[in-house]
C-alpha cells in the first residue's frame, strides 16, 4: 500500500446507499409503505427522487411541514423496520469492494459518508465486505444535519485529515453532489468501477 507524505494525501469520500450497495429501490418501497401506514398517499416516483436525502428532510419534503415530531419519527421508524427486512438480500454494486481496495492500495484515504446508521449501516458494510480498505465511516449519528446539508462530508474530511481540494467525493444522487464542499471534486458514477480517480 502506497503511503504519500501528509501534504500529498488524498481522500476518497464515498456515499454508501445506491453508490456501493444496490439499495435505493428497497428504500423507495420501504418509505412508500411507511407513508401508507401513517395515512399518507405518496407516489413512489416522488420518493425515489429524494432517495439520498436524510430521512427527516425526505419526510418533510413529501408530506410538508407542521406535523408533530412523534408523527415524523413514527414514519422514519416504520421505514427502518421495513428496510431491515431486506438486509439479508442487499447486494453490493458490482465493483464496489474492488474500487475501495484499489484506492487504498494507491494511498487514498477512503472514508464513507452515509445517512445510514445502526443496523442498516452494519448490514451494508457487511454487504460491501471491504473493511480492510476503509479508514473511517461517518454516519448521521455523528452530525447535526444529514444530506443535503454538508455536515456528513465535512465530518468525513476531518476523519481523512485532508482539505476539500484534496478530496474526491463519489455519490449516486443529486443530494450527494449538493452536500459536497465547493472545492471537492465530485462524481456520480454509473458503477463504482467507472469512478476510480486517476493515480
N, C-alpha and C. Protein backbone atom coordinates (compact mmCIF):
# COMPACT_ATOMS: atom_id res chain seq x y z
N UNK A 1 0.84 -1.20 0.00
CA UNK A 1 0.00 0.00 0.00
C UNK A 1 0.87 1.24 0.00
N UNK A 2 0.60 2.18 -0.91
CA UNK A 2 1.35 3.42 -1.00
C UNK A 2 0.91 4.38 0.10
N UNK A 3 1.91 5.00 0.77
CA UNK A 3 1.59 5.98 1.80
C UNK A 3 2.24 7.30 1.42
N UNK A 4 1.50 8.22 0.84
CA UNK A 4 2.06 9.51 0.43
C UNK A 4 2.37 10.37 1.65
N UNK A 5 3.28 11.35 1.52
CA UNK A 5 3.51 12.27 2.63
C UNK A 5 2.24 13.04 2.95
N UNK A 6 2.09 13.51 4.20
CA UNK A 6 0.83 14.16 4.61
C UNK A 6 0.37 15.28 3.69
N UNK A 7 1.30 16.09 3.19
CA UNK A 7 0.90 17.22 2.35
C UNK A 7 0.39 16.77 0.97
N UNK A 8 0.64 15.51 0.62
CA UNK A 8 0.17 14.98 -0.66
C UNK A 8 -0.99 14.00 -0.49
N UNK A 9 -1.46 13.83 0.72
CA UNK A 9 -2.54 12.87 0.98
C UNK A 9 -3.80 13.25 0.24
N UNK A 10 -4.51 12.25 -0.26
CA UNK A 10 -5.77 12.45 -0.96
C UNK A 10 -6.83 11.58 -0.30
N UNK A 11 -8.05 12.06 -0.34
CA UNK A 11 -9.15 11.31 0.27
C UNK A 11 -10.21 10.97 -0.76
N UNK A 12 -10.75 9.78 -0.65
CA UNK A 12 -11.93 9.38 -1.41
C UNK A 12 -13.07 9.29 -0.42
N UNK A 13 -13.98 10.25 -0.49
CA UNK A 13 -15.15 10.28 0.40
C UNK A 13 -16.31 9.70 -0.41
N UNK A 14 -16.87 8.60 0.07
CA UNK A 14 -17.80 7.83 -0.76
C UNK A 14 -19.11 7.57 -0.02
N UNK A 15 -20.20 7.84 -0.70
CA UNK A 15 -21.54 7.52 -0.22
C UNK A 15 -21.72 5.99 -0.22
N UNK A 16 -22.70 5.48 0.52
CA UNK A 16 -22.92 4.04 0.61
C UNK A 16 -24.19 3.61 -0.11
N UNK A 17 -25.35 4.08 0.36
CA UNK A 17 -26.63 3.70 -0.25
C UNK A 17 -26.68 4.10 -1.71
N UNK A 18 -26.87 3.13 -2.59
CA UNK A 18 -27.01 3.42 -4.00
C UNK A 18 -25.69 3.58 -4.73
N UNK A 19 -24.61 3.84 -4.00
CA UNK A 19 -23.30 4.01 -4.60
C UNK A 19 -22.47 2.74 -4.47
N UNK A 20 -22.39 2.20 -3.27
CA UNK A 20 -21.67 0.96 -3.03
C UNK A 20 -22.60 -0.23 -2.82
N UNK A 21 -23.83 0.04 -2.42
CA UNK A 21 -24.83 -1.01 -2.18
C UNK A 21 -26.07 -0.70 -3.01
N UNK A 22 -26.60 -1.72 -3.69
CA UNK A 22 -27.78 -1.55 -4.54
C UNK A 22 -29.03 -1.56 -3.67
N UNK A 23 -29.31 -0.43 -3.04
CA UNK A 23 -30.36 -0.37 -2.01
C UNK A 23 -31.46 0.66 -2.28
N UNK A 24 -31.32 1.47 -3.32
CA UNK A 24 -32.25 2.59 -3.48
C UNK A 24 -33.70 2.16 -3.67
N UNK A 25 -33.92 1.10 -4.41
CA UNK A 25 -35.31 0.69 -4.65
C UNK A 25 -35.92 0.04 -3.41
N UNK A 26 -35.11 -0.63 -2.61
CA UNK A 26 -35.60 -1.14 -1.33
C UNK A 26 -36.04 0.02 -0.44
N UNK A 27 -35.22 1.07 -0.41
CA UNK A 27 -35.58 2.25 0.38
C UNK A 27 -36.87 2.89 -0.13
N UNK A 28 -37.00 2.98 -1.45
CA UNK A 28 -38.20 3.60 -2.03
C UNK A 28 -39.46 2.86 -1.59
N UNK A 29 -39.44 1.54 -1.69
CA UNK A 29 -40.62 0.75 -1.32
C UNK A 29 -40.86 0.83 0.19
N UNK A 30 -39.78 0.80 0.98
CA UNK A 30 -39.95 0.89 2.44
C UNK A 30 -40.56 2.23 2.84
N UNK A 31 -40.10 3.32 2.22
CA UNK A 31 -40.70 4.63 2.53
C UNK A 31 -42.16 4.67 2.09
N UNK A 32 -42.46 4.13 0.90
CA UNK A 32 -43.84 4.14 0.41
C UNK A 32 -44.77 3.46 1.40
N UNK A 33 -44.37 2.29 1.89
CA UNK A 33 -45.20 1.56 2.84
C UNK A 33 -45.28 2.29 4.19
N UNK A 34 -44.19 2.90 4.61
CA UNK A 34 -44.20 3.65 5.88
C UNK A 34 -45.17 4.82 5.79
N UNK A 35 -45.17 5.54 4.67
CA UNK A 35 -46.12 6.64 4.48
C UNK A 35 -47.55 6.10 4.44
N UNK A 36 -47.76 4.99 3.75
CA UNK A 36 -49.10 4.42 3.64
C UNK A 36 -49.64 4.05 5.03
N UNK A 37 -48.79 3.43 5.85
CA UNK A 37 -49.22 3.03 7.19
C UNK A 37 -49.57 4.25 8.04
N UNK A 38 -48.94 5.38 7.75
CA UNK A 38 -49.19 6.61 8.52
C UNK A 38 -50.34 7.43 7.93
N UNK A 39 -50.98 6.93 6.88
CA UNK A 39 -52.13 7.62 6.31
C UNK A 39 -51.81 8.61 5.21
N UNK A 40 -50.61 8.52 4.62
CA UNK A 40 -50.22 9.44 3.57
C UNK A 40 -50.12 8.71 2.23
N UNK A 41 -50.68 9.30 1.20
CA UNK A 41 -50.58 8.75 -0.14
C UNK A 41 -49.47 9.48 -0.88
N UNK A 42 -48.36 8.79 -1.07
CA UNK A 42 -47.18 9.40 -1.71
C UNK A 42 -46.75 8.51 -2.87
N UNK A 43 -46.53 9.10 -4.03
CA UNK A 43 -46.14 8.34 -5.21
C UNK A 43 -44.69 7.86 -5.09
N UNK A 44 -44.44 6.64 -5.54
CA UNK A 44 -43.08 6.09 -5.46
C UNK A 44 -42.10 6.94 -6.26
N UNK A 45 -42.55 7.52 -7.38
CA UNK A 45 -41.63 8.34 -8.18
C UNK A 45 -41.15 9.55 -7.39
N UNK A 46 -42.03 10.11 -6.56
CA UNK A 46 -41.65 11.27 -5.76
C UNK A 46 -40.68 10.87 -4.65
N UNK A 47 -40.89 9.69 -4.10
CA UNK A 47 -39.96 9.19 -3.08
C UNK A 47 -38.60 8.93 -3.70
N UNK A 48 -38.60 8.27 -4.86
CA UNK A 48 -37.34 7.88 -5.49
C UNK A 48 -36.46 9.08 -5.79
N UNK A 49 -37.08 10.20 -6.18
CA UNK A 49 -36.30 11.41 -6.49
C UNK A 49 -35.54 11.94 -5.27
N UNK A 50 -36.03 11.62 -4.07
CA UNK A 50 -35.43 12.16 -2.85
C UNK A 50 -34.52 11.15 -2.13
N UNK A 51 -34.41 9.94 -2.65
CA UNK A 51 -33.52 8.97 -2.02
C UNK A 51 -32.09 9.51 -2.08
N UNK A 52 -31.42 9.45 -0.95
CA UNK A 52 -30.09 10.06 -0.81
C UNK A 52 -30.15 11.24 0.15
N UNK A 53 -31.36 11.79 0.32
CA UNK A 53 -31.59 12.83 1.31
C UNK A 53 -31.81 12.17 2.66
N UNK A 54 -31.44 12.84 3.74
CA UNK A 54 -31.65 12.26 5.07
C UNK A 54 -33.15 12.06 5.32
N UNK A 55 -33.48 11.09 6.20
CA UNK A 55 -34.87 10.73 6.43
C UNK A 55 -35.75 11.89 6.86
N UNK A 56 -35.27 12.70 7.79
CA UNK A 56 -36.06 13.82 8.27
C UNK A 56 -36.39 14.81 7.18
N UNK A 57 -35.40 15.14 6.35
CA UNK A 57 -35.64 16.05 5.24
C UNK A 57 -36.59 15.44 4.22
N UNK A 58 -36.42 14.14 3.96
CA UNK A 58 -37.26 13.46 2.98
C UNK A 58 -38.73 13.49 3.41
N UNK A 59 -38.98 13.17 4.67
CA UNK A 59 -40.36 13.14 5.16
C UNK A 59 -41.00 14.53 5.04
N UNK A 60 -40.28 15.55 5.45
CA UNK A 60 -40.85 16.91 5.39
C UNK A 60 -41.13 17.34 3.95
N UNK A 61 -40.22 17.00 3.05
CA UNK A 61 -40.42 17.37 1.64
C UNK A 61 -41.70 16.72 1.09
N UNK A 62 -41.99 15.49 1.52
CA UNK A 62 -43.07 14.73 0.91
C UNK A 62 -44.44 14.96 1.56
N UNK A 63 -44.47 15.25 2.85
CA UNK A 63 -45.78 15.47 3.49
C UNK A 63 -45.94 16.89 4.02
N UNK A 64 -44.90 17.70 3.85
CA UNK A 64 -44.98 19.09 4.24
C UNK A 64 -44.66 19.30 5.71
N UNK A 65 -44.39 20.54 6.10
CA UNK A 65 -44.08 20.86 7.49
C UNK A 65 -45.34 20.88 8.34
N UNK A 66 -45.15 21.02 9.63
CA UNK A 66 -46.29 21.18 10.53
C UNK A 66 -46.74 19.92 11.22
N UNK A 67 -46.15 18.78 10.88
CA UNK A 67 -46.50 17.54 11.56
C UNK A 67 -45.70 17.40 12.86
N UNK A 68 -46.26 16.71 13.81
CA UNK A 68 -45.59 16.56 15.10
C UNK A 68 -44.31 15.74 14.95
N UNK A 69 -43.39 15.98 15.86
CA UNK A 69 -42.14 15.22 15.86
C UNK A 69 -42.44 13.73 16.02
N UNK A 70 -43.46 13.39 16.81
CA UNK A 70 -43.82 11.99 17.02
C UNK A 70 -44.30 11.35 15.72
N UNK A 71 -45.07 12.10 14.93
CA UNK A 71 -45.58 11.56 13.67
C UNK A 71 -44.44 11.31 12.69
N UNK A 72 -43.54 12.27 12.57
CA UNK A 72 -42.40 12.13 11.67
C UNK A 72 -41.52 10.97 12.12
N UNK A 73 -41.29 10.86 13.42
CA UNK A 73 -40.47 9.77 13.95
C UNK A 73 -41.10 8.42 13.69
N UNK A 74 -42.43 8.34 13.80
CA UNK A 74 -43.13 7.09 13.55
C UNK A 74 -42.95 6.63 12.11
N UNK A 75 -42.99 7.59 11.18
CA UNK A 75 -42.78 7.25 9.77
C UNK A 75 -41.35 6.76 9.56
N UNK A 76 -40.39 7.47 10.12
CA UNK A 76 -38.99 7.07 9.97
C UNK A 76 -38.72 5.72 10.60
N UNK A 77 -39.32 5.46 11.77
CA UNK A 77 -39.14 4.17 12.45
C UNK A 77 -39.75 3.04 11.62
N UNK A 78 -40.93 3.30 11.02
CA UNK A 78 -41.55 2.28 10.18
C UNK A 78 -40.68 1.98 8.97
N UNK A 79 -40.11 3.03 8.37
CA UNK A 79 -39.19 2.81 7.24
C UNK A 79 -38.02 1.94 7.67
N UNK A 80 -37.44 2.24 8.81
CA UNK A 80 -36.28 1.47 9.28
C UNK A 80 -36.64 0.00 9.49
N UNK A 81 -37.80 -0.25 10.07
CA UNK A 81 -38.24 -1.64 10.30
C UNK A 81 -38.46 -2.37 8.97
N UNK A 82 -39.12 -1.69 8.04
CA UNK A 82 -39.39 -2.31 6.74
C UNK A 82 -38.11 -2.56 5.95
N UNK A 83 -37.22 -1.56 5.94
CA UNK A 83 -35.96 -1.74 5.22
C UNK A 83 -35.14 -2.87 5.83
N UNK A 84 -35.23 -3.01 7.14
CA UNK A 84 -34.47 -4.06 7.82
C UNK A 84 -34.85 -5.46 7.38
N UNK A 85 -36.07 -5.63 6.88
CA UNK A 85 -36.47 -6.97 6.44
C UNK A 85 -35.72 -7.39 5.18
N UNK A 86 -35.06 -6.45 4.51
CA UNK A 86 -34.32 -6.77 3.29
C UNK A 86 -32.80 -6.80 3.50
N UNK A 87 -32.35 -6.67 4.71
CA UNK A 87 -30.91 -6.65 4.95
C UNK A 87 -30.20 -7.85 4.32
N UNK A 88 -30.78 -9.03 4.49
CA UNK A 88 -30.08 -10.23 4.01
C UNK A 88 -30.16 -10.38 2.49
N UNK A 89 -30.90 -9.49 1.81
CA UNK A 89 -31.00 -9.56 0.35
C UNK A 89 -30.25 -8.43 -0.34
N UNK A 90 -29.62 -7.58 0.43
CA UNK A 90 -28.85 -6.49 -0.18
C UNK A 90 -27.66 -7.04 -0.94
N UNK A 91 -27.32 -6.38 -2.03
CA UNK A 91 -26.18 -6.78 -2.86
C UNK A 91 -25.28 -5.58 -3.08
N UNK A 92 -23.96 -5.81 -3.13
CA UNK A 92 -23.08 -4.68 -3.46
C UNK A 92 -23.23 -4.31 -4.93
N UNK A 93 -23.02 -3.05 -5.23
CA UNK A 93 -22.94 -2.63 -6.63
C UNK A 93 -21.69 -3.28 -7.21
N UNK A 94 -21.76 -3.86 -8.41
CA UNK A 94 -20.59 -4.52 -8.98
C UNK A 94 -19.35 -3.63 -8.96
N UNK A 95 -18.27 -4.17 -8.44
CA UNK A 95 -17.01 -3.44 -8.40
C UNK A 95 -16.79 -2.63 -7.15
N UNK A 96 -17.74 -2.64 -6.21
CA UNK A 96 -17.64 -1.78 -5.03
C UNK A 96 -16.40 -2.10 -4.19
N UNK A 97 -16.25 -3.35 -3.78
CA UNK A 97 -15.10 -3.71 -2.94
C UNK A 97 -13.79 -3.52 -3.70
N UNK A 98 -13.78 -3.85 -4.98
CA UNK A 98 -12.56 -3.69 -5.78
C UNK A 98 -12.14 -2.23 -5.85
N UNK A 99 -13.13 -1.33 -5.99
CA UNK A 99 -12.83 0.10 -6.02
C UNK A 99 -12.17 0.55 -4.72
N UNK A 100 -12.77 0.18 -3.59
CA UNK A 100 -12.23 0.62 -2.30
C UNK A 100 -10.82 0.11 -2.09
N UNK A 101 -10.59 -1.14 -2.44
CA UNK A 101 -9.25 -1.72 -2.24
C UNK A 101 -8.23 -1.11 -3.21
N UNK A 102 -8.65 -0.82 -4.43
CA UNK A 102 -7.74 -0.18 -5.39
C UNK A 102 -7.34 1.21 -4.91
N UNK A 103 -8.30 1.96 -4.38
CA UNK A 103 -7.99 3.29 -3.84
C UNK A 103 -7.02 3.19 -2.67
N UNK A 104 -7.27 2.26 -1.75
CA UNK A 104 -6.40 2.11 -0.59
C UNK A 104 -4.99 1.72 -1.01
N UNK A 105 -4.87 0.84 -2.00
CA UNK A 105 -3.54 0.43 -2.48
C UNK A 105 -2.77 1.61 -3.05
N UNK A 106 -3.49 2.56 -3.64
CA UNK A 106 -2.85 3.73 -4.24
C UNK A 106 -2.59 4.84 -3.22
N UNK A 107 -2.93 4.59 -1.97
CA UNK A 107 -2.64 5.56 -0.93
C UNK A 107 -3.75 6.54 -0.63
N UNK A 108 -4.92 6.35 -1.24
CA UNK A 108 -6.05 7.22 -0.94
C UNK A 108 -6.61 6.88 0.43
N UNK A 109 -7.03 7.89 1.16
CA UNK A 109 -7.70 7.68 2.45
C UNK A 109 -9.19 7.51 2.17
N UNK A 110 -9.68 6.32 2.34
CA UNK A 110 -11.07 6.00 2.00
C UNK A 110 -11.96 6.21 3.22
N UNK A 111 -12.90 7.16 3.10
CA UNK A 111 -13.84 7.43 4.19
C UNK A 111 -15.25 7.39 3.62
N UNK A 112 -16.13 6.64 4.26
CA UNK A 112 -17.52 6.56 3.84
C UNK A 112 -18.32 7.64 4.54
N UNK A 113 -19.24 8.25 3.80
CA UNK A 113 -20.12 9.30 4.36
C UNK A 113 -21.55 8.91 4.03
N UNK A 114 -22.31 8.51 5.05
CA UNK A 114 -23.62 7.94 4.79
C UNK A 114 -24.67 8.40 5.80
N UNK A 115 -25.90 8.54 5.31
CA UNK A 115 -27.01 8.85 6.21
C UNK A 115 -27.49 7.61 6.96
N UNK A 116 -27.00 6.44 6.56
CA UNK A 116 -27.37 5.20 7.25
C UNK A 116 -26.79 5.19 8.66
N UNK A 117 -27.39 4.36 9.51
CA UNK A 117 -26.91 4.26 10.88
C UNK A 117 -27.25 2.89 11.44
N UNK A 118 -26.66 2.58 12.57
CA UNK A 118 -27.03 1.39 13.33
C UNK A 118 -27.05 0.10 12.52
N UNK A 119 -28.16 -0.63 12.61
CA UNK A 119 -28.29 -1.91 11.96
C UNK A 119 -28.20 -1.80 10.44
N UNK A 120 -28.75 -0.73 9.88
CA UNK A 120 -28.68 -0.55 8.43
C UNK A 120 -27.23 -0.42 7.98
N UNK A 121 -26.47 0.41 8.67
CA UNK A 121 -25.07 0.61 8.30
C UNK A 121 -24.27 -0.67 8.47
N UNK A 122 -24.49 -1.38 9.56
CA UNK A 122 -23.79 -2.65 9.78
C UNK A 122 -24.08 -3.63 8.66
N UNK A 123 -25.35 -3.72 8.24
CA UNK A 123 -25.73 -4.64 7.17
C UNK A 123 -25.05 -4.26 5.86
N UNK A 124 -24.99 -2.96 5.56
CA UNK A 124 -24.41 -2.54 4.30
C UNK A 124 -22.89 -2.71 4.28
N UNK A 125 -22.24 -2.45 5.40
CA UNK A 125 -20.80 -2.68 5.46
C UNK A 125 -20.49 -4.16 5.29
N UNK A 126 -21.34 -5.01 5.86
CA UNK A 126 -21.15 -6.45 5.66
C UNK A 126 -21.37 -6.85 4.22
N UNK A 127 -22.30 -6.20 3.55
CA UNK A 127 -22.57 -6.49 2.14
C UNK A 127 -21.39 -6.09 1.27
N UNK A 128 -20.79 -4.94 1.56
CA UNK A 128 -19.63 -4.48 0.78
C UNK A 128 -18.43 -5.37 1.02
N UNK A 129 -18.21 -5.73 2.29
CA UNK A 129 -17.14 -6.65 2.69
C UNK A 129 -15.75 -6.15 2.27
N UNK A 130 -15.45 -4.90 2.65
CA UNK A 130 -14.13 -4.35 2.33
C UNK A 130 -13.63 -3.48 3.49
N UNK A 131 -13.89 -3.92 4.71
CA UNK A 131 -13.47 -3.13 5.88
C UNK A 131 -11.98 -2.85 5.89
N UNK A 132 -11.19 -3.76 5.32
CA UNK A 132 -9.74 -3.60 5.32
C UNK A 132 -9.28 -2.37 4.53
N UNK A 133 -10.14 -1.87 3.63
CA UNK A 133 -9.78 -0.73 2.79
C UNK A 133 -10.33 0.59 3.30
N UNK A 134 -11.17 0.54 4.33
CA UNK A 134 -11.88 1.73 4.79
C UNK A 134 -11.19 2.33 6.01
N UNK A 135 -10.76 3.59 5.90
CA UNK A 135 -10.12 4.27 7.02
C UNK A 135 -11.13 4.60 8.10
N UNK A 136 -12.30 5.12 7.71
CA UNK A 136 -13.31 5.54 8.69
C UNK A 136 -14.66 5.63 8.00
N UNK A 137 -15.71 5.67 8.82
CA UNK A 137 -17.07 5.85 8.33
C UNK A 137 -17.75 6.93 9.15
N UNK A 138 -18.34 7.90 8.48
CA UNK A 138 -19.13 8.91 9.18
C UNK A 138 -20.60 8.66 8.85
N UNK A 139 -21.46 8.73 9.88
CA UNK A 139 -22.87 8.47 9.67
C UNK A 139 -23.71 9.55 10.33
N UNK A 140 -25.02 9.46 10.16
CA UNK A 140 -25.90 10.53 10.59
C UNK A 140 -25.97 10.69 12.11
N UNK A 141 -25.53 9.67 12.86
CA UNK A 141 -25.50 9.80 14.32
C UNK A 141 -24.39 10.76 14.78
N UNK A 142 -23.45 11.07 13.90
CA UNK A 142 -22.30 11.88 14.26
C UNK A 142 -22.45 13.36 13.91
N UNK A 143 -23.56 13.72 13.25
CA UNK A 143 -23.71 15.10 12.79
C UNK A 143 -25.08 15.64 13.17
N UNK A 144 -25.21 16.96 13.12
CA UNK A 144 -26.48 17.60 13.45
C UNK A 144 -27.49 17.53 12.32
N UNK A 145 -27.02 17.55 11.08
CA UNK A 145 -27.92 17.56 9.94
C UNK A 145 -27.40 16.64 8.85
N UNK A 146 -28.31 15.85 8.26
CA UNK A 146 -27.93 14.95 7.19
C UNK A 146 -27.99 15.63 5.83
N UNK A 147 -27.70 14.87 4.78
CA UNK A 147 -27.74 15.40 3.42
C UNK A 147 -29.15 15.91 3.12
N UNK A 148 -29.25 17.05 2.42
CA UNK A 148 -28.22 17.72 1.62
C UNK A 148 -27.34 18.71 2.38
N UNK A 149 -27.46 18.82 3.70
CA UNK A 149 -26.52 19.65 4.46
C UNK A 149 -25.11 19.06 4.31
N UNK A 150 -24.08 19.87 4.40
CA UNK A 150 -22.71 19.39 4.17
C UNK A 150 -22.07 18.69 5.37
N UNK A 151 -22.80 18.57 6.47
CA UNK A 151 -22.19 18.10 7.73
C UNK A 151 -21.49 16.75 7.59
N UNK A 152 -22.13 15.79 6.92
CA UNK A 152 -21.56 14.45 6.79
C UNK A 152 -20.24 14.47 6.04
N UNK A 153 -20.21 15.19 4.93
CA UNK A 153 -18.99 15.24 4.12
C UNK A 153 -17.89 16.00 4.87
N UNK A 154 -18.26 17.07 5.56
CA UNK A 154 -17.27 17.81 6.34
C UNK A 154 -16.69 16.93 7.45
N UNK A 155 -17.54 16.11 8.09
CA UNK A 155 -17.05 15.18 9.12
C UNK A 155 -16.11 14.15 8.51
N UNK A 156 -16.44 13.68 7.31
CA UNK A 156 -15.58 12.71 6.63
C UNK A 156 -14.22 13.31 6.29
N UNK A 157 -14.21 14.57 5.87
CA UNK A 157 -12.93 15.23 5.57
C UNK A 157 -12.08 15.39 6.82
N UNK A 158 -12.73 15.64 7.96
CA UNK A 158 -11.98 15.71 9.22
C UNK A 158 -11.37 14.35 9.56
N UNK A 159 -12.12 13.29 9.32
CA UNK A 159 -11.59 11.95 9.56
C UNK A 159 -10.40 11.66 8.64
N UNK A 160 -10.50 12.12 7.40
CA UNK A 160 -9.43 11.87 6.43
C UNK A 160 -8.24 12.80 6.63
N UNK A 161 -8.47 13.92 7.32
CA UNK A 161 -7.42 14.91 7.59
C UNK A 161 -6.84 15.47 6.28
N UNK A 162 -7.76 15.84 5.38
CA UNK A 162 -7.35 16.50 4.14
C UNK A 162 -8.30 17.66 3.87
N UNK A 163 -7.85 18.70 3.16
CA UNK A 163 -8.73 19.81 2.78
C UNK A 163 -9.62 19.37 1.62
N UNK A 164 -10.73 20.10 1.37
CA UNK A 164 -11.64 19.71 0.28
C UNK A 164 -10.97 19.57 -1.08
N UNK A 165 -9.96 20.42 -1.36
CA UNK A 165 -9.35 20.35 -2.68
C UNK A 165 -8.43 19.15 -2.86
N UNK A 166 -8.27 18.34 -1.81
CA UNK A 166 -7.51 17.08 -1.90
C UNK A 166 -8.45 15.89 -1.80
N UNK A 167 -9.74 16.13 -1.97
CA UNK A 167 -10.73 15.06 -1.82
C UNK A 167 -11.52 14.85 -3.11
N UNK A 168 -11.90 13.62 -3.31
CA UNK A 168 -12.75 13.23 -4.44
C UNK A 168 -13.98 12.59 -3.83
N UNK A 169 -15.17 13.17 -4.10
CA UNK A 169 -16.39 12.67 -3.48
C UNK A 169 -17.22 11.92 -4.51
N UNK A 170 -17.63 10.70 -4.17
CA UNK A 170 -18.39 9.86 -5.08
C UNK A 170 -19.75 9.56 -4.47
N UNK A 171 -20.81 9.87 -5.21
CA UNK A 171 -22.16 9.57 -4.76
C UNK A 171 -23.05 9.31 -5.96
N UNK A 172 -24.27 8.83 -5.69
CA UNK A 172 -25.16 8.45 -6.79
C UNK A 172 -26.33 9.40 -6.97
N UNK A 173 -26.51 10.36 -6.08
CA UNK A 173 -27.69 11.22 -6.17
C UNK A 173 -27.31 12.70 -6.19
N UNK A 174 -28.27 13.51 -6.61
CA UNK A 174 -28.05 14.95 -6.62
C UNK A 174 -27.79 15.46 -5.21
N UNK A 175 -28.37 14.81 -4.19
CA UNK A 175 -28.20 15.24 -2.81
C UNK A 175 -26.77 15.03 -2.34
N UNK A 176 -26.09 14.03 -2.90
CA UNK A 176 -24.67 13.84 -2.60
C UNK A 176 -23.86 15.00 -3.16
N UNK A 177 -24.17 15.39 -4.39
CA UNK A 177 -23.43 16.49 -5.02
C UNK A 177 -23.66 17.79 -4.27
N UNK A 178 -24.91 18.05 -3.89
CA UNK A 178 -25.23 19.27 -3.16
C UNK A 178 -24.50 19.33 -1.83
N UNK A 179 -24.32 18.19 -1.18
CA UNK A 179 -23.70 18.16 0.14
C UNK A 179 -22.18 18.30 0.10
N UNK A 180 -21.58 18.15 -1.06
CA UNK A 180 -20.12 18.20 -1.17
C UNK A 180 -19.63 19.64 -1.12
N UNK A 181 -18.51 19.89 -0.40
CA UNK A 181 -17.93 21.24 -0.39
C UNK A 181 -17.58 21.69 -1.80
N UNK A 182 -17.61 22.98 -2.02
CA UNK A 182 -17.43 23.53 -3.36
C UNK A 182 -16.09 23.15 -3.98
N UNK A 183 -15.07 23.00 -3.14
CA UNK A 183 -13.74 22.74 -3.69
C UNK A 183 -13.45 21.26 -3.88
N UNK A 184 -14.36 20.39 -3.47
CA UNK A 184 -14.15 18.95 -3.64
C UNK A 184 -14.56 18.53 -5.03
N UNK A 185 -13.80 17.60 -5.61
CA UNK A 185 -14.19 17.02 -6.89
C UNK A 185 -15.31 16.03 -6.63
N UNK A 186 -16.34 16.05 -7.48
CA UNK A 186 -17.47 15.14 -7.28
C UNK A 186 -17.69 14.28 -8.51
N UNK A 187 -18.25 13.09 -8.28
CA UNK A 187 -18.57 12.18 -9.37
C UNK A 187 -19.85 11.45 -9.05
N UNK A 188 -20.69 11.24 -10.09
CA UNK A 188 -21.90 10.45 -9.95
C UNK A 188 -21.77 9.29 -10.92
N UNK A 189 -21.15 8.18 -10.50
CA UNK A 189 -20.84 7.10 -11.43
C UNK A 189 -22.04 6.22 -11.75
N UNK A 190 -21.97 5.57 -12.91
CA UNK A 190 -22.96 4.55 -13.23
C UNK A 190 -22.61 3.26 -12.52
N UNK A 191 -21.35 3.08 -12.18
CA UNK A 191 -20.91 1.96 -11.36
C UNK A 191 -19.64 2.39 -10.66
N UNK A 192 -19.33 1.80 -9.47
CA UNK A 192 -18.12 2.21 -8.77
C UNK A 192 -16.86 2.03 -9.62
N UNK A 193 -16.83 1.00 -10.44
CA UNK A 193 -15.64 0.76 -11.24
C UNK A 193 -15.37 1.91 -12.21
N UNK A 194 -16.43 2.65 -12.56
CA UNK A 194 -16.27 3.76 -13.50
C UNK A 194 -15.79 5.03 -12.83
N UNK A 195 -15.72 5.03 -11.48
CA UNK A 195 -15.44 6.28 -10.77
C UNK A 195 -14.05 6.35 -10.18
N UNK A 196 -13.22 5.34 -10.38
CA UNK A 196 -11.90 5.34 -9.76
C UNK A 196 -11.11 6.54 -10.23
N UNK A 197 -10.61 7.37 -9.27
CA UNK A 197 -9.81 8.53 -9.65
C UNK A 197 -8.48 8.10 -10.26
N UNK A 198 -7.83 8.97 -10.99
CA UNK A 198 -6.53 8.62 -11.59
C UNK A 198 -5.47 8.48 -10.52
N UNK A 199 -4.37 7.85 -10.86
CA UNK A 199 -3.25 7.68 -9.93
C UNK A 199 -2.69 9.04 -9.53
